[in-house]
């Protein structure tokens, strides 16, 4: 797959997994890459991320202990931390949360 199509394919995969749509021309329109009523979803497709190796090391250790891996990162001299989590795990939280809300409104 060519690079220009690979990132679009990844955005589409994320959108479909959340039962929504990919945002066309998101950069021009100032919207996230994936439409969602609760989340602003930005997708990044790169050759390599340093935190990926850190996350999979944490994941291997977490699996040995029967735990869920969470990687928390912070840039020196900057405010705020970021969490790196497994997409399938996060997606299940999002989808299950939406199902709970549907039940509450019925």
C-alpha atoms as a PDB file:
ATOM      1  CA  UNK A   1       0.000   0.000   0.000  1.00  0.00           C
ATOM      2  CA  UNK A   2       1.366   3.427  -0.912  1.00  0.00           C
ATOM      3  CA  UNK A   3       2.115   5.794   1.964  1.00  0.00           C
ATOM      4  CA  UNK A   4      -0.525   8.290   0.779  1.00  0.00           C
ATOM      5  CA  UNK A   5      -3.201   5.616   1.064  1.00  0.00           C
ATOM      6  CA  UNK A   6      -1.894   3.889   4.198  1.00  0.00           C
ATOM      7  CA  UNK A   7      -2.800   6.714   6.587  1.00  0.00           C
ATOM      8  CA  UNK A   8      -6.249   7.035   5.032  1.00  0.00           C
ATOM      9  CA  UNK A   9      -6.747   3.299   5.461  1.00  0.00           C
ATOM     10  CA  UNK A  10      -5.784   3.520   9.139  1.00  0.00           C
ATOM     11  CA  UNK A  11      -8.215   6.402   9.726  1.00  0.00           C
ATOM     12  CA  UNK A  12     -10.968   4.426   8.009  1.00  0.00           C
ATOM     13  CA  UNK A  13     -10.229   1.343  10.142  1.00  0.00           C
ATOM     14  CA  UNK A  14     -10.500   3.394  13.335  1.00  0.00           C
ATOM     15  CA  UNK A  15     -13.745   5.015  12.145  1.00  0.00           C
ATOM     16  CA  UNK A  16     -15.348   1.699  11.193  1.00  0.00           C
ATOM     17  CA  UNK A  17     -14.366   0.140  14.515  1.00  0.00           C
ATOM     18  CA  UNK A  18     -16.300   2.929  16.284  1.00  0.00           C
ATOM     19  CA  UNK A  19     -19.261   2.711  13.874  1.00  0.00           C
ATOM     20  CA  UNK A  20     -18.637   6.195  12.513  1.00  0.00           C
ATOM     21  CA  UNK A  21     -16.965   7.885   9.546  1.00  0.00           C
ATOM     22  CA  UNK A  22     -13.565   9.173   8.578  1.00  0.00           C
ATOM     23  CA  UNK A  23     -13.492  12.965   8.288  1.00  0.00           C
ATOM     24  CA  UNK A  24     -12.596  13.979   4.746  1.00  0.00           C
ATOM     25  CA  UNK A  25     -10.101  16.896   4.566  1.00  0.00           C
ATOM     26  CA  UNK A  26      -9.919  17.038   8.368  1.00  0.00           C
ATOM     27  CA  UNK A  27      -6.816  19.250   8.354  1.00  0.00           C
ATOM     28  CA  UNK A  28      -8.470  21.845   6.143  1.00  0.00           C
ATOM     29  CA  UNK A  29     -11.729  21.809   8.114  1.00  0.00           C
ATOM     30  CA  UNK A  30     -10.042  21.813  11.523  1.00  0.00           C
ATOM     31  CA  UNK A  31     -11.824  18.653  12.626  1.00  0.00           C
ATOM     32  CA  UNK A  32     -10.488  15.367  13.960  1.00  0.00           C
ATOM     33  CA  UNK A  33      -9.632  12.561  11.560  1.00  0.00           C
ATOM     34  CA  UNK A  34     -12.589  10.482  12.730  1.00  0.00           C
ATOM     35  CA  UNK A  35     -16.114  11.765  13.412  1.00  0.00           C
ATOM     36  CA  UNK A  36     -17.352  11.222  16.955  1.00  0.00           C
ATOM     37  CA  UNK A  37     -19.807  13.086  19.169  1.00  0.00           C
ATOM     38  CA  UNK A  38     -17.732  12.710  22.384  1.00  0.00           C
ATOM     39  CA  UNK A  39     -14.111  12.458  21.229  1.00  0.00           C
ATOM     40  CA  UNK A  40     -11.786  14.464  19.021  1.00  0.00           C
ATOM     41  CA  UNK A  41      -9.882  11.659  17.319  1.00  0.00           C
ATOM     42  CA  UNK A  42      -6.599  12.418  15.578  1.00  0.00           C
ATOM     43  CA  UNK A  43      -4.754   9.538  13.886  1.00  0.00           C
ATOM     44  CA  UNK A  44      -1.011   9.516  13.215  1.00  0.00           C
ATOM     45  CA  UNK A  45       0.628   7.038  10.854  1.00  0.00           C
ATOM     46  CA  UNK A  46       4.416   7.053  11.045  1.00  0.00           C
ATOM     47  CA  UNK A  47       7.254   4.715  10.260  1.00  0.00           C
ATOM     48  CA  UNK A  48       8.372   4.601  13.888  1.00  0.00           C
ATOM     49  CA  UNK A  49       7.340   5.876  17.332  1.00  0.00           C
ATOM     50  CA  UNK A  50       9.750   5.562  20.260  1.00  0.00           C
ATOM     51  CA  UNK A  51       6.898   5.079  22.724  1.00  0.00           C
ATOM     52  CA  UNK A  52       5.726   1.988  20.807  1.00  0.00           C
ATOM     53  CA  UNK A  53       8.754   0.006  22.000  1.00  0.00           C
ATOM     54  CA  UNK A  54       8.232   1.255  25.550  1.00  0.00           C
ATOM     55  CA  UNK A  55       4.571   0.299  25.438  1.00  0.00           C
ATOM     56  CA  UNK A  56       5.187  -3.244  24.189  1.00  0.00           C
ATOM     57  CA  UNK A  57       7.826  -3.774  26.861  1.00  0.00           C
ATOM     58  CA  UNK A  58       5.288  -2.651  29.475  1.00  0.00           C
ATOM     59  CA  UNK A  59       2.627  -4.851  27.843  1.00  0.00           C
ATOM     60  CA  UNK A  60       4.839  -7.946  28.077  1.00  0.00           C
ATOM     61  CA  UNK A  61       5.486  -7.289  31.757  1.00  0.00           C
ATOM     62  CA  UNK A  62       1.800  -6.556  32.426  1.00  0.00           C
ATOM     63  CA  UNK A  63       0.697  -9.795  30.733  1.00  0.00           C
ATOM     64  CA  UNK A  64       3.025 -11.807  33.009  1.00  0.00           C
ATOM     65  CA  UNK A  65       1.182 -10.313  35.964  1.00  0.00           C
ATOM     66  CA  UNK A  66      -2.355 -10.415  34.542  1.00  0.00           C
ATOM     67  CA  UNK A  67      -2.600  -6.633  34.385  1.00  0.00           C
ATOM     68  CA  UNK A  68      -3.545  -3.992  31.807  1.00  0.00           C
ATOM     69  CA  UNK A  69      -0.591  -1.973  30.520  1.00  0.00           C
ATOM     70  CA  UNK A  70      -0.648   1.824  30.680  1.00  0.00           C
ATOM     71  CA  UNK A  71       2.351   3.851  29.514  1.00  0.00           C
ATOM     72  CA  UNK A  72       2.431   7.403  30.875  1.00  0.00           C
ATOM     73  CA  UNK A  73       4.802   9.794  29.101  1.00  0.00           C
ATOM     74  CA  UNK A  74       5.844  13.375  29.822  1.00  0.00           C
ATOM     75  CA  UNK A  75       8.152  15.671  27.935  1.00  0.00           C
ATOM     76  CA  UNK A  76      10.750  17.375  30.120  1.00  0.00           C
ATOM     77  CA  UNK A  77       9.921  21.014  30.735  1.00  0.00           C
ATOM     78  CA  UNK A  78       6.357  20.659  29.409  1.00  0.00           C
ATOM     79  CA  UNK A  79       3.081  20.559  31.316  1.00  0.00           C
ATOM     80  CA  UNK A  80       0.841  17.523  31.256  1.00  0.00           C
ATOM     81  CA  UNK A  81       1.265  13.811  30.814  1.00  0.00           C
ATOM     82  CA  UNK A  82      -0.025  11.537  28.066  1.00  0.00           C
ATOM     83  CA  UNK A  83      -1.215   7.953  28.306  1.00  0.00           C
ATOM     84  CA  UNK A  84      -0.401   5.330  25.693  1.00  0.00           C
ATOM     85  CA  UNK A  85      -2.842   2.417  25.759  1.00  0.00           C
ATOM     86  CA  UNK A  86      -3.762  -0.500  23.542  1.00  0.00           C
ATOM     87  CA  UNK A  87      -6.327   0.576  20.936  1.00  0.00           C
ATOM     88  CA  UNK A  88      -8.463  -2.576  21.243  1.00  0.00           C
ATOM     89  CA  UNK A  89      -8.716  -2.066  25.012  1.00  0.00           C
ATOM     90  CA  UNK A  90      -9.657   1.606  24.667  1.00  0.00           C
ATOM     91  CA  UNK A  91     -12.101   0.880  21.849  1.00  0.00           C
ATOM     92  CA  UNK A  92     -13.904  -1.646  24.045  1.00  0.00           C
ATOM     93  CA  UNK A  93     -14.267   1.008  26.769  1.00  0.00           C
ATOM     94  CA  UNK A  94     -15.655   3.529  24.279  1.00  0.00           C
ATOM     95  CA  UNK A  95     -18.080   1.121  22.609  1.00  0.00           C
ATOM     96  CA  UNK A  96     -19.251  -0.395  25.913  1.00  0.00           C
ATOM     97  CA  UNK A  97     -19.710   3.100  27.372  1.00  0.00           C
ATOM     98  CA  UNK A  98     -21.884   4.100  24.429  1.00  0.00           C
ATOM     99  CA  UNK A  99     -23.983   0.952  24.867  1.00  0.00           C
ATOM    100  CA  UNK A 100     -24.486   1.806  28.558  1.00  0.00           C
ATOM    101  CA  UNK A 101     -25.684   5.302  27.614  1.00  0.00           C
ATOM    102  CA  UNK A 102     -28.171   3.839  25.119  1.00  0.00           C
ATOM    103  CA  UNK A 103     -29.622   1.595  27.828  1.00  0.00           C
ATOM    104  CA  UNK A 104     -29.962   4.553  30.230  1.00  0.00           C
ATOM    105  CA  UNK A 105     -31.919   6.593  27.666  1.00  0.00           C
ATOM    106  CA  UNK A 106     -34.408   3.817  26.869  1.00  0.00           C
END
